[in-house]
Amino acid sequence: MRKTIVALASGAVLIAMSMATSVSAQGTLKVVLPSNVNTLDPAKTKIGEEYIINFLVYSGLTELDISGKAKPDLAESWTSSEDQKT
């Protein structure tokens, strides 16, 4: 049974690698999803495929690292006021 699982996983990896093509930075990213996307509104997403699209399309100014601290995403840097309100 274990040999069968390993063989199937290896085959899947080989197929995925053979289908992969290099994309230049100026190219077009095409994403294939197994179903239709109903909305691009991040507040209304309901299915996994919509979450994938939202993850690829929308970025924030910052994101959280593993320790929960803000790190730059789209923002290159930021400053805070003395009272830490803005």
Protein backbone atom coordinates (compact mmCIF):
# COMPACT_ATOMS: atom_id res chain seq x y z
CA MET A 1 0.00 0.00 0.00
CA ARG A 2 2.77 2.42 0.91
CA LYS A 3 4.62 1.69 -2.34
CA THR A 4 1.44 2.46 -4.29
CA ILE A 5 1.01 5.81 -2.53
CA VAL A 6 4.65 6.73 -3.12
CA ALA A 7 4.39 5.73 -6.78
CA LEU A 8 1.22 7.79 -7.26
CA ALA A 9 2.72 10.82 -5.51
CA SER A 10 5.91 10.54 -7.58
CA GLY A 11 3.87 10.30 -10.76
CA ALA A 12 1.84 13.35 -9.81
CA VAL A 13 5.01 15.34 -9.15
CA LEU A 14 6.51 14.30 -12.49
CA ILE A 15 3.33 15.26 -14.33
CA ALA A 16 3.18 18.63 -12.58
CA MET A 17 6.83 19.31 -13.36
CA SER A 18 6.36 18.41 -17.02
CA MET A 19 3.40 20.79 -17.27
CA ALA A 20 5.24 23.68 -15.62
CA THR A 21 6.56 26.40 -17.88
CA SER A 22 8.75 29.31 -17.00
CA VAL A 23 7.05 32.70 -16.87
CA SER A 24 8.90 35.96 -17.30
CA ALA A 25 8.19 38.90 -15.02
CA GLN A 26 6.48 40.66 -17.91
CA GLY A 27 4.35 37.68 -18.88
CA THR A 28 0.77 36.80 -18.05
CA LEU A 29 -0.14 34.60 -15.12
CA LYS A 30 -2.93 32.18 -15.95
CA VAL A 31 -4.63 30.28 -13.14
CA VAL A 32 -6.87 27.31 -13.84
CA LEU A 33 -9.63 26.66 -11.32
CA PRO A 34 -11.96 23.65 -11.18
CA SER A 35 -15.10 25.81 -10.93
CA ASN A 36 -16.47 29.24 -11.84
CA VAL A 37 -15.71 32.17 -9.57
CA ASN A 38 -18.91 33.90 -8.43
CA THR A 39 -17.39 37.10 -7.08
CA LEU A 40 -14.14 39.01 -6.81
CA ASP A 41 -15.35 40.88 -3.73
CA PRO A 42 -13.16 39.67 -0.83
CA ALA A 43 -16.01 40.28 1.62
CA LYS A 44 -18.33 37.93 -0.28
CA THR A 45 -16.07 34.98 -1.05
CA LYS A 46 -17.59 31.63 -0.14
CA ILE A 47 -15.65 28.92 -1.94
CA GLY A 48 -11.99 27.95 -1.92
CA GLU A 49 -11.34 28.99 -5.51
CA GLU A 50 -12.49 32.52 -4.72
CA TYR A 51 -10.06 32.65 -1.80
CA ILE A 52 -7.24 31.61 -4.15
CA ILE A 53 -8.06 34.43 -6.57
CA ASN A 54 -8.34 36.97 -3.74
CA PHE A 55 -4.97 35.87 -2.37
CA LEU A 56 -3.36 36.32 -5.79
CA VAL A 57 -5.10 39.61 -6.66
CA TYR A 58 -5.36 41.57 -3.44
CA SER A 59 -2.41 42.62 -1.31
CA GLY A 60 -2.29 44.79 1.77
CA LEU A 61 0.11 47.54 2.74
CA THR A 62 1.53 45.20 5.37
CA GLU A 63 1.27 41.55 6.32
CA LEU A 64 1.95 39.67 9.53
CA ASP A 65 4.98 37.44 9.92
CA ILE A 66 5.03 34.22 11.94
CA SER A 67 5.56 36.10 15.22
CA GLY A 68 2.60 38.42 14.53
CA LYS A 69 4.66 41.52 13.74
CA ALA A 70 3.83 43.73 10.76
CA LYS A 71 6.19 43.53 7.83
CA PRO A 72 5.98 45.33 4.46
CA ASP A 73 3.84 43.89 1.70
CA LEU A 74 3.08 46.70 -0.78
CA ALA A 75 4.40 49.41 1.54
CA GLU A 76 8.13 49.97 1.41
CA SER A 77 8.24 51.72 4.79
CA TRP A 78 6.02 53.59 7.24
CA THR A 79 6.22 55.91 10.22
CA SER A 80 3.97 56.53 13.21
CA SER A 81 3.01 59.76 14.93
CA GLU A 82 4.31 60.46 18.42
CA ASP A 83 0.96 59.59 20.00
CA GLN A 84 0.89 56.28 17.99
CA LYS A 85 -2.60 57.07 16.65
CA THR A 86 -1.59 57.53 13.02
